[in-house]
Amino acid sequence: MVGDNLKGLAGGLGAAIRDQQFRALLRLMVVLVAIATLFYGTVEGWRILDAMYFSVITLATIGYGDIVPKTDAGKIFTMAYAVVGIGIFVALVTILANIVIETRRHDSSKA
């Protein structure tokens, strides 16, 4: 069962990479995380790894709270980043989920 799930996910990921809309959103997500990483590294003075970690954790809406922006500029940027970025992240994950489901449905209909 786990092997089938992993196989289905791998097939779905392969199909997603071929999907133009998924690739466009993925590129946008990478650019957004890169901009946020540079921003936090510069404005908050965080190490690059910490800045990238915070950028990804924010978009994934996990928010551990272990690091937080201290400057007003960082707080304002984070509010805008979350509003824009979470929407893009949800769209990306939704497309991926739909492609994985369709790929599994297609594969099971062949069997």
N, C-alpha and C. Protein backbone atom coordinates (compact mmCIF):
# COMPACT_ATOMS: atom_id res chain seq x y z
N MET A 1 0.82 -1.20 0.00
CA MET A 1 0.00 0.00 0.00
C MET A 1 0.87 1.26 0.00
N VAL A 2 1.87 1.30 0.89
CA VAL A 2 2.75 2.46 0.93
C VAL A 2 3.51 2.59 -0.38
N GLY A 3 3.97 1.46 -0.91
CA GLY A 3 4.68 1.47 -2.19
C GLY A 3 3.82 2.00 -3.31
N ASP A 4 2.54 1.62 -3.31
CA ASP A 4 1.61 2.12 -4.33
C ASP A 4 1.40 3.61 -4.19
N ASN A 5 1.30 4.08 -2.95
CA ASN A 5 1.13 5.51 -2.72
C ASN A 5 2.35 6.30 -3.18
N LEU A 6 3.53 5.79 -2.87
CA LEU A 6 4.75 6.47 -3.31
C LEU A 6 4.88 6.45 -4.83
N LYS A 7 4.51 5.33 -5.43
CA LYS A 7 4.55 5.23 -6.88
C LYS A 7 3.56 6.21 -7.51
N GLY A 8 2.37 6.33 -6.93
CA GLY A 8 1.38 7.28 -7.43
C GLY A 8 1.84 8.72 -7.28
N LEU A 9 2.48 9.01 -6.14
CA LEU A 9 3.00 10.36 -5.92
C LEU A 9 4.11 10.67 -6.90
N ALA A 10 5.00 9.72 -7.12
CA ALA A 10 6.10 9.93 -8.07
C ALA A 10 5.57 10.16 -9.47
N GLY A 11 4.59 9.36 -9.87
CA GLY A 11 3.98 9.55 -11.19
C GLY A 11 3.30 10.90 -11.30
N GLY A 12 2.63 11.30 -10.23
CA GLY A 12 1.97 12.60 -10.21
C GLY A 12 2.95 13.75 -10.27
N LEU A 13 4.07 13.62 -9.57
CA LEU A 13 5.10 14.66 -9.62
C LEU A 13 5.69 14.79 -11.02
N GLY A 14 5.91 13.64 -11.65
CA GLY A 14 6.41 13.67 -13.02
C GLY A 14 5.44 14.36 -13.96
N ALA A 15 4.15 14.06 -13.80
CA ALA A 15 3.13 14.71 -14.62
C ALA A 15 3.04 16.19 -14.29
N ALA A 16 3.19 16.55 -13.03
CA ALA A 16 3.11 17.96 -12.63
C ALA A 16 4.24 18.77 -13.26
N ILE A 17 5.44 18.21 -13.30
CA ILE A 17 6.57 18.91 -13.89
C ILE A 17 6.33 19.18 -15.37
N ARG A 18 5.56 18.35 -16.01
CA ARG A 18 5.24 18.56 -17.43
C ARG A 18 4.09 19.56 -17.63
N ASP A 19 3.39 19.89 -16.55
CA ASP A 19 2.24 20.80 -16.64
C ASP A 19 2.72 22.25 -16.63
N GLN A 20 2.32 23.01 -17.64
CA GLN A 20 2.79 24.39 -17.81
C GLN A 20 2.36 25.28 -16.64
N GLN A 21 1.12 25.15 -16.20
CA GLN A 21 0.63 25.98 -15.11
C GLN A 21 1.38 25.67 -13.81
N PHE A 22 1.61 24.40 -13.54
CA PHE A 22 2.36 24.01 -12.35
C PHE A 22 3.77 24.58 -12.38
N ARG A 23 4.44 24.45 -13.54
CA ARG A 23 5.81 24.98 -13.66
C ARG A 23 5.84 26.48 -13.46
N ALA A 24 4.86 27.19 -13.99
CA ALA A 24 4.82 28.65 -13.84
C ALA A 24 4.65 29.03 -12.37
N LEU A 25 3.74 28.35 -11.68
CA LEU A 25 3.55 28.64 -10.25
C LEU A 25 4.77 28.24 -9.42
N LEU A 26 5.40 27.15 -9.79
CA LEU A 26 6.61 26.73 -9.08
C LEU A 26 7.72 27.76 -9.24
N ARG A 27 7.90 28.26 -10.46
CA ARG A 27 8.90 29.31 -10.68
C ARG A 27 8.56 30.56 -9.86
N LEU A 28 7.30 30.94 -9.85
CA LEU A 28 6.88 32.10 -9.07
C LEU A 28 7.15 31.88 -7.59
N MET A 29 6.89 30.68 -7.11
CA MET A 29 7.14 30.36 -5.71
C MET A 29 8.63 30.44 -5.38
N VAL A 30 9.47 29.92 -6.25
CA VAL A 30 10.91 29.97 -6.02
C VAL A 30 11.40 31.43 -5.99
N VAL A 31 10.90 32.24 -6.92
CA VAL A 31 11.28 33.66 -6.95
C VAL A 31 10.81 34.36 -5.68
N LEU A 32 9.58 34.08 -5.26
CA LEU A 32 9.04 34.70 -4.06
C LEU A 32 9.84 34.34 -2.82
N VAL A 33 10.19 33.07 -2.69
CA VAL A 33 11.00 32.64 -1.54
C VAL A 33 12.39 33.27 -1.60
N ALA A 34 12.97 33.37 -2.80
CA ALA A 34 14.29 33.99 -2.94
C ALA A 34 14.25 35.46 -2.55
N ILE A 35 13.23 36.17 -3.00
CA ILE A 35 13.10 37.60 -2.64
C ILE A 35 12.95 37.75 -1.13
N ALA A 36 12.08 36.93 -0.54
CA ALA A 36 11.88 37.01 0.91
C ALA A 36 13.15 36.65 1.66
N THR A 37 13.87 35.64 1.18
CA THR A 37 15.12 35.24 1.83
C THR A 37 16.13 36.39 1.81
N LEU A 38 16.27 37.02 0.67
CA LEU A 38 17.18 38.17 0.57
C LEU A 38 16.71 39.33 1.45
N PHE A 39 15.42 39.57 1.46
CA PHE A 39 14.87 40.64 2.30
C PHE A 39 15.19 40.40 3.77
N TYR A 40 14.84 39.22 4.27
CA TYR A 40 15.07 38.93 5.69
C TYR A 40 16.55 38.90 6.04
N GLY A 41 17.35 38.42 5.13
CA GLY A 41 18.79 38.43 5.37
C GLY A 41 19.33 39.84 5.49
N THR A 42 18.82 40.73 4.65
CA THR A 42 19.30 42.12 4.64
C THR A 42 18.68 42.94 5.76
N VAL A 43 17.36 42.94 5.85
CA VAL A 43 16.66 43.82 6.78
C VAL A 43 16.70 43.31 8.22
N GLU A 44 16.51 42.02 8.39
CA GLU A 44 16.50 41.46 9.75
C GLU A 44 17.89 41.00 10.19
N GLY A 45 18.82 40.90 9.24
CA GLY A 45 20.17 40.47 9.58
C GLY A 45 20.28 38.98 9.87
N TRP A 46 19.33 38.19 9.33
CA TRP A 46 19.35 36.75 9.57
C TRP A 46 20.32 36.05 8.63
N ARG A 47 20.83 34.90 9.09
CA ARG A 47 21.61 34.05 8.20
C ARG A 47 20.71 33.60 7.06
N ILE A 48 21.30 33.29 5.93
CA ILE A 48 20.52 32.91 4.75
C ILE A 48 19.64 31.68 5.05
N LEU A 49 20.17 30.69 5.74
CA LEU A 49 19.38 29.51 6.05
C LEU A 49 18.18 29.87 6.92
N ASP A 50 18.38 30.72 7.92
CA ASP A 50 17.26 31.14 8.78
C ASP A 50 16.22 31.93 7.98
N ALA A 51 16.70 32.79 7.10
CA ALA A 51 15.79 33.59 6.29
C ALA A 51 14.97 32.71 5.35
N MET A 52 15.62 31.73 4.73
CA MET A 52 14.90 30.83 3.83
C MET A 52 13.92 29.96 4.62
N TYR A 53 14.36 29.47 5.76
CA TYR A 53 13.51 28.66 6.64
C TYR A 53 12.25 29.45 7.00
N PHE A 54 12.41 30.68 7.43
CA PHE A 54 11.26 31.50 7.81
C PHE A 54 10.35 31.74 6.61
N SER A 55 10.94 31.98 5.46
CA SER A 55 10.16 32.23 4.24
C SER A 55 9.28 31.04 3.89
N VAL A 56 9.84 29.86 3.96
CA VAL A 56 9.08 28.65 3.62
C VAL A 56 8.05 28.33 4.70
N ILE A 57 8.43 28.42 5.94
CA ILE A 57 7.52 28.12 7.06
C ILE A 57 6.32 29.07 7.04
N THR A 58 6.55 30.31 6.67
CA THR A 58 5.46 31.28 6.59
C THR A 58 4.48 30.91 5.49
N LEU A 59 5.00 30.57 4.30
CA LEU A 59 4.11 30.22 3.19
C LEU A 59 3.35 28.92 3.45
N ALA A 60 3.96 28.02 4.17
CA ALA A 60 3.29 26.76 4.49
C ALA A 60 2.32 26.92 5.68
N THR A 61 2.22 28.12 6.21
CA THR A 61 1.35 28.50 7.35
C THR A 61 1.64 27.66 8.59
N ILE A 62 2.88 27.25 8.76
CA ILE A 62 3.25 26.49 9.95
C ILE A 62 3.51 27.44 11.11
N GLY A 63 4.39 28.42 10.91
CA GLY A 63 4.62 29.46 11.90
C GLY A 63 5.00 28.95 13.28
N TYR A 64 6.15 28.33 13.40
CA TYR A 64 6.61 27.84 14.71
C TYR A 64 6.81 28.96 15.72
N GLY A 65 7.19 30.13 15.27
CA GLY A 65 7.42 31.25 16.18
C GLY A 65 8.81 31.27 16.77
N ASP A 66 9.69 30.38 16.29
CA ASP A 66 11.04 30.34 16.83
C ASP A 66 11.87 31.54 16.36
N ILE A 67 11.60 32.04 15.17
CA ILE A 67 12.19 33.30 14.72
C ILE A 67 11.07 34.16 14.16
N VAL A 68 11.15 35.43 14.45
CA VAL A 68 10.12 36.38 14.00
C VAL A 68 10.79 37.68 13.61
N PRO A 69 10.18 38.43 12.69
CA PRO A 69 10.74 39.73 12.33
C PRO A 69 10.69 40.68 13.53
N LYS A 70 11.75 41.45 13.70
CA LYS A 70 11.83 42.40 14.81
C LYS A 70 11.62 43.84 14.33
N THR A 71 11.96 44.11 13.07
CA THR A 71 11.85 45.48 12.56
C THR A 71 10.44 45.73 12.03
N ASP A 72 10.06 47.01 12.00
CA ASP A 72 8.76 47.36 11.42
C ASP A 72 8.71 46.98 9.94
N ALA A 73 9.81 47.22 9.23
CA ALA A 73 9.85 46.86 7.80
C ALA A 73 9.66 45.36 7.62
N GLY A 74 10.28 44.57 8.49
CA GLY A 74 10.15 43.12 8.42
C GLY A 74 8.73 42.66 8.70
N LYS A 75 8.08 43.29 9.64
CA LYS A 75 6.69 42.93 9.97
C LYS A 75 5.75 43.31 8.83
N ILE A 76 5.93 44.48 8.26
CA ILE A 76 5.08 44.92 7.15
C ILE A 76 5.30 44.03 5.93
N PHE A 77 6.56 43.73 5.62
CA PHE A 77 6.86 42.84 4.49
C PHE A 77 6.22 41.48 4.71
N THR A 78 6.32 40.95 5.93
CA THR A 78 5.78 39.63 6.22
C THR A 78 4.27 39.59 6.02
N MET A 79 3.58 40.64 6.40
CA MET A 79 2.13 40.68 6.19
C MET A 79 1.80 40.59 4.70
N ALA A 80 2.47 41.39 3.89
CA ALA A 80 2.22 41.37 2.45
C ALA A 80 2.66 40.04 1.84
N TYR A 81 3.81 39.55 2.27
CA TYR A 81 4.36 38.29 1.77
C TYR A 81 3.40 37.14 2.06
N ALA A 82 2.84 37.11 3.25
CA ALA A 82 1.92 36.03 3.62
C ALA A 82 0.64 36.10 2.78
N VAL A 83 0.08 37.29 2.62
CA VAL A 83 -1.16 37.43 1.86
C VAL A 83 -0.98 36.97 0.42
N VAL A 84 0.10 37.39 -0.19
CA VAL A 84 0.37 37.03 -1.59
C VAL A 84 0.86 35.59 -1.69
N GLY A 85 1.82 35.25 -0.88
CA GLY A 85 2.49 33.96 -1.00
C GLY A 85 1.65 32.77 -0.62
N ILE A 86 0.80 32.89 0.38
CA ILE A 86 -0.01 31.75 0.79
C ILE A 86 -0.99 31.38 -0.32
N GLY A 87 -1.53 32.38 -0.98
CA GLY A 87 -2.43 32.11 -2.11
C GLY A 87 -1.72 31.34 -3.22
N ILE A 88 -0.51 31.76 -3.54
CA ILE A 88 0.26 31.08 -4.58
C ILE A 88 0.62 29.66 -4.13
N PHE A 89 1.01 29.51 -2.88
CA PHE A 89 1.35 28.20 -2.35
C PHE A 89 0.15 27.24 -2.41
N VAL A 90 -1.02 27.74 -2.01
CA VAL A 90 -2.23 26.91 -2.04
C VAL A 90 -2.57 26.52 -3.48
N ALA A 91 -2.45 27.46 -4.41
CA ALA A 91 -2.71 27.15 -5.82
C ALA A 91 -1.76 26.07 -6.32
N LEU A 92 -0.48 26.19 -5.96
CA LEU A 92 0.52 25.21 -6.38
C LEU A 92 0.20 23.82 -5.83
N VAL A 93 -0.11 23.74 -4.56
CA VAL A 93 -0.41 22.46 -3.92
C VAL A 93 -1.72 21.88 -4.47
N THR A 94 -2.69 22.73 -4.76
CA THR A 94 -3.95 22.27 -5.33
C THR A 94 -3.74 21.65 -6.71
N ILE A 95 -2.97 22.33 -7.54
CA ILE A 95 -2.68 21.79 -8.87
C ILE A 95 -1.94 20.46 -8.75
N LEU A 96 -0.96 20.41 -7.87
CA LEU A 96 -0.21 19.17 -7.66
C LEU A 96 -1.14 18.05 -7.22
N ALA A 97 -2.01 18.32 -6.26
CA ALA A 97 -2.94 17.30 -5.77
C ALA A 97 -3.86 16.81 -6.89
N ASN A 98 -4.37 17.74 -7.68
CA ASN A 98 -5.25 17.36 -8.79
C ASN A 98 -4.53 16.49 -9.81
N ILE A 99 -3.30 16.85 -10.10
CA ILE A 99 -2.53 16.06 -11.07
C ILE A 99 -2.22 14.66 -10.52
N VAL A 100 -1.86 14.58 -9.25
CA VAL A 100 -1.60 13.27 -8.64
C VAL A 100 -2.86 12.41 -8.67
N ILE A 101 -4.00 13.00 -8.33
CA ILE A 101 -5.26 12.26 -8.33
C ILE A 101 -5.60 11.79 -9.74
N GLU A 102 -5.48 12.68 -10.71
CA GLU A 102 -5.79 12.30 -12.09
C GLU A 102 -4.83 11.23 -12.62
N THR A 103 -3.57 11.33 -12.26
CA THR A 103 -2.58 10.34 -12.69
C THR A 103 -2.91 8.98 -12.09
N ARG A 104 -3.25 8.97 -10.82
CA ARG A 104 -3.61 7.69 -10.17
C ARG A 104 -4.88 7.12 -10.77
N ARG A 105 -5.86 8.00 -11.05
CA ARG A 105 -7.12 7.55 -11.64
C ARG A 105 -6.85 6.94 -13.03
N HIS A 106 -6.01 7.61 -13.80
CA HIS A 106 -5.68 7.14 -15.14
C HIS A 106 -4.94 5.80 -15.07
N ASP A 107 -3.98 5.71 -14.14
CA ASP A 107 -3.20 4.46 -14.00
C ASP A 107 -4.09 3.31 -13.53
N SER A 108 -5.03 3.57 -12.64
CA SER A 108 -5.89 2.49 -12.14
C SER A 108 -6.91 2.05 -13.20
N SER A 109 -7.26 2.93 -14.10
CA SER A 109 -8.21 2.55 -15.16
C SER A 109 -7.55 1.65 -16.22
N LYS A 110 -6.20 1.73 -16.31
CA LYS A 110 -5.47 0.88 -17.26
C LYS A 110 -5.32 -0.55 -16.72
N ALA A 111 -5.38 -0.69 -15.40
CA ALA A 111 -5.15 -2.00 -14.79
C ALA A 111 -6.35 -2.91 -14.88
